[in-house]
Amino acid sequence: MTTAVHKMSRAELAAELNSYPMEALGTIRDLRESVILAREICKMFQGKRLARLFNVTHLAPNDYSVDKFITGDYSDRVHEFIVQNKLLDGDVIFVGTKNPEKQDRGFAVVMADGSFSTKEAFHVETCDYDHMTEEINQLWLKHFGKKAC
């Protein structure tokens, strides 16, 4: 369910505009009008939203950037991150993996209810993922010293 524009804070308005992506500029009134316009454009064209990629391995119980694998469950922290940062249905998070040989299995998709799934397919019906190659390569360079693709 979409929050009514008049009930949204400046941060919520800016986050929604950035998800389209549109630059968030101006007064709160300008931001509200921009969100209304963006929602109307989306209804008219029914285009795909650019999904966003987030690295959440900093929430892991161990140092992922050193260990290159996860040593425990931290799904509650990831869920809190999703809620606090208002991730959208179809956004992608890199949660890491317990198997250092299978890093490609460390990706999860954010679901409409705010949960996440490592088994769910990307939401290609509503989201565009083509732009993520460079972001994934940057993430891989940071953690593993090489490009993923």
Protein backbone atom coordinates (compact mmCIF):
# COMPACT_ATOMS: atom_id res chain seq x y z
CA MET A 1 0.00 0.00 0.00
CA THR A 2 1.34 3.43 -0.96
CA THR A 3 1.57 6.13 1.71
CA ALA A 4 -0.44 9.29 1.00
CA VAL A 5 1.87 12.09 -0.12
CA HIS A 6 0.60 14.57 2.49
CA LYS A 7 1.56 12.13 5.28
CA MET A 8 5.15 11.62 4.08
CA SER A 9 8.17 13.30 5.65
CA ARG A 10 10.78 15.13 3.60
CA ALA A 11 13.07 12.07 3.84
CA GLU A 12 10.30 9.73 2.65
CA LEU A 13 9.48 12.01 -0.27
CA ALA A 14 13.15 12.26 -1.25
CA ALA A 15 13.61 8.47 -0.98
CA GLU A 16 10.62 7.82 -3.24
CA LEU A 17 11.82 10.35 -5.80
CA ASN A 18 15.31 8.85 -5.76
CA SER A 19 13.82 5.39 -6.40
CA TYR A 20 12.35 6.47 -9.76
CA PRO A 21 15.17 7.98 -10.12
CA MET A 22 14.36 11.68 -9.94
CA GLU A 23 16.36 14.38 -8.22
CA ALA A 24 14.81 15.53 -4.95
CA LEU A 25 15.01 19.33 -4.91
CA GLY A 26 13.00 22.18 -3.46
CA THR A 27 10.61 22.74 -0.61
CA ILE A 28 8.47 20.02 0.91
CA ARG A 29 5.60 21.30 -1.24
CA ASP A 30 7.77 20.92 -4.35
CA LEU A 31 8.73 17.41 -3.26
CA ARG A 32 5.10 16.45 -2.71
CA GLU A 33 4.15 17.75 -6.16
CA SER A 34 7.10 15.89 -7.70
CA VAL A 35 6.07 12.61 -6.04
CA ILE A 36 2.47 13.06 -7.23
CA LEU A 37 3.75 13.71 -10.76
CA ALA A 38 6.12 10.72 -10.64
CA ARG A 39 3.31 8.43 -9.49
CA GLU A 40 1.06 9.68 -12.29
CA ILE A 41 3.80 9.13 -14.88
CA CYS A 42 4.32 5.59 -13.59
CA LYS A 43 0.59 4.90 -13.91
CA MET A 44 0.56 6.23 -17.49
CA PHE A 45 3.57 4.29 -18.74
CA GLN A 46 3.62 1.30 -16.41
CA GLY A 47 7.38 1.26 -16.86
CA LYS A 48 9.83 -0.61 -14.76
CA ARG A 49 11.43 0.96 -11.71
CA LEU A 50 15.22 0.88 -11.44
CA ALA A 51 15.89 -1.58 -8.65
CA ARG A 52 18.58 -0.58 -6.16
CA LEU A 53 21.45 -2.67 -4.81
CA PHE A 54 22.46 -2.57 -1.13
CA ASN A 55 25.38 -4.28 0.56
CA VAL A 56 24.25 -5.27 4.07
CA THR A 57 27.21 -7.48 5.03
CA HIS A 58 28.30 -4.78 7.51
CA LEU A 59 25.40 -6.06 9.65
CA ALA A 60 26.81 -9.60 9.81
CA PRO A 61 27.93 -10.97 13.20
CA ASN A 62 31.50 -11.31 11.87
CA ASP A 63 33.70 -9.16 9.60
CA TYR A 64 32.54 -10.22 6.14
CA SER A 65 35.14 -8.14 4.32
CA VAL A 66 37.87 -10.13 6.13
CA ASP A 67 36.28 -13.59 6.47
CA LYS A 68 34.44 -13.66 3.08
CA PHE A 69 31.63 -15.73 4.62
CA ILE A 70 28.92 -15.42 7.28
CA THR A 71 29.24 -17.22 10.60
CA GLY A 72 25.69 -16.79 11.89
CA ASP A 73 22.15 -15.60 11.30
CA TYR A 74 21.52 -11.88 11.12
CA SER A 75 18.18 -11.81 9.34
CA ASP A 76 16.59 -9.65 12.08
CA ARG A 77 19.21 -6.94 11.50
CA VAL A 78 18.67 -7.13 7.74
CA HIS A 79 14.91 -6.79 8.19
CA GLU A 80 15.43 -3.71 10.39
CA PHE A 81 17.71 -2.25 7.68
CA ILE A 82 15.01 -2.84 5.04
CA VAL A 83 12.38 -1.08 7.15
CA GLN A 84 14.59 1.81 8.33
CA ASN A 85 15.92 2.53 4.84
CA LYS A 86 12.54 2.02 3.16
CA LEU A 87 13.76 -0.48 0.61
CA LEU A 88 11.21 -1.27 -2.06
CA ASP A 89 9.77 -4.49 -3.43
CA GLY A 90 12.31 -5.84 -5.92
CA ASP A 91 15.38 -4.06 -4.55
CA VAL A 92 18.41 -6.34 -4.19
CA ILE A 93 20.55 -6.83 -1.13
CA PHE A 94 23.88 -8.60 -0.86
CA VAL A 95 23.65 -10.51 2.41
CA GLY A 96 26.68 -12.69 1.79
CA THR A 97 26.90 -16.45 2.03
CA LYS A 98 28.05 -19.13 4.44
CA ASN A 99 29.98 -20.77 1.59
CA PRO A 100 32.92 -18.63 0.38
CA GLU A 101 33.00 -20.61 -2.88
CA LYS A 102 29.44 -19.58 -3.80
CA GLN A 103 29.37 -15.81 -3.42
CA ASP A 104 26.80 -15.44 -6.21
CA ARG A 105 24.27 -17.06 -3.87
CA GLY A 106 24.64 -14.20 -1.40
CA PHE A 107 22.05 -11.99 -3.10
CA ALA A 108 18.48 -11.60 -1.88
CA VAL A 109 15.42 -9.80 -3.22
CA VAL A 110 13.30 -7.53 -1.03
CA MET A 111 9.68 -8.62 -0.95
CA ALA A 112 6.55 -6.43 -0.80
CA ASP A 113 6.00 -7.26 2.89
CA GLY A 114 9.49 -6.02 3.85
CA SER A 115 10.99 -9.48 4.14
CA PHE A 116 13.75 -10.76 1.85
CA SER A 117 14.40 -13.99 0.02
CA THR A 118 17.55 -15.57 -1.38
CA LYS A 119 15.37 -17.99 -3.34
CA GLU A 120 13.00 -15.49 -4.99
CA ALA A 121 13.74 -14.51 -8.58
CA PHE A 122 14.37 -10.86 -9.40
CA HIS A 123 11.11 -9.00 -10.00
CA VAL A 124 11.67 -8.43 -13.71
CA GLU A 125 8.00 -7.66 -14.31
CA THR A 126 8.22 -4.44 -12.28
CA CYS A 127 11.94 -3.69 -11.93
CA ASP A 128 14.88 -3.10 -14.25
CA TYR A 129 18.15 -4.74 -13.19
CA ASP A 130 20.28 -4.10 -16.30
CA HIS A 131 22.15 -1.19 -14.71
CA MET A 132 23.38 -3.27 -11.75
CA THR A 133 26.39 -4.86 -13.46
CA GLU A 134 28.72 -1.99 -12.56
CA GLU A 135 27.40 -1.79 -8.98
CA ILE A 136 27.94 -5.53 -8.50
CA ASN A 137 31.45 -5.22 -9.94
CA GLN A 138 32.25 -2.44 -7.45
CA LEU A 139 30.92 -4.59 -4.60
CA TRP A 140 33.00 -7.56 -5.80
CA LEU A 141 36.13 -5.42 -6.13
CA LYS A 142 35.65 -4.17 -2.56
CA HIS A 143 35.15 -7.62 -1.04
CA PHE A 144 37.00 -10.00 -3.36
CA GLY A 145 39.47 -7.90 -5.37
CA LYS A 146 38.02 -8.88 -8.75
CA LYS A 147 35.02 -8.12 -10.95
CA ALA A 148 32.00 -10.41 -10.89
CA CYS A 149 30.95 -9.88 -14.50
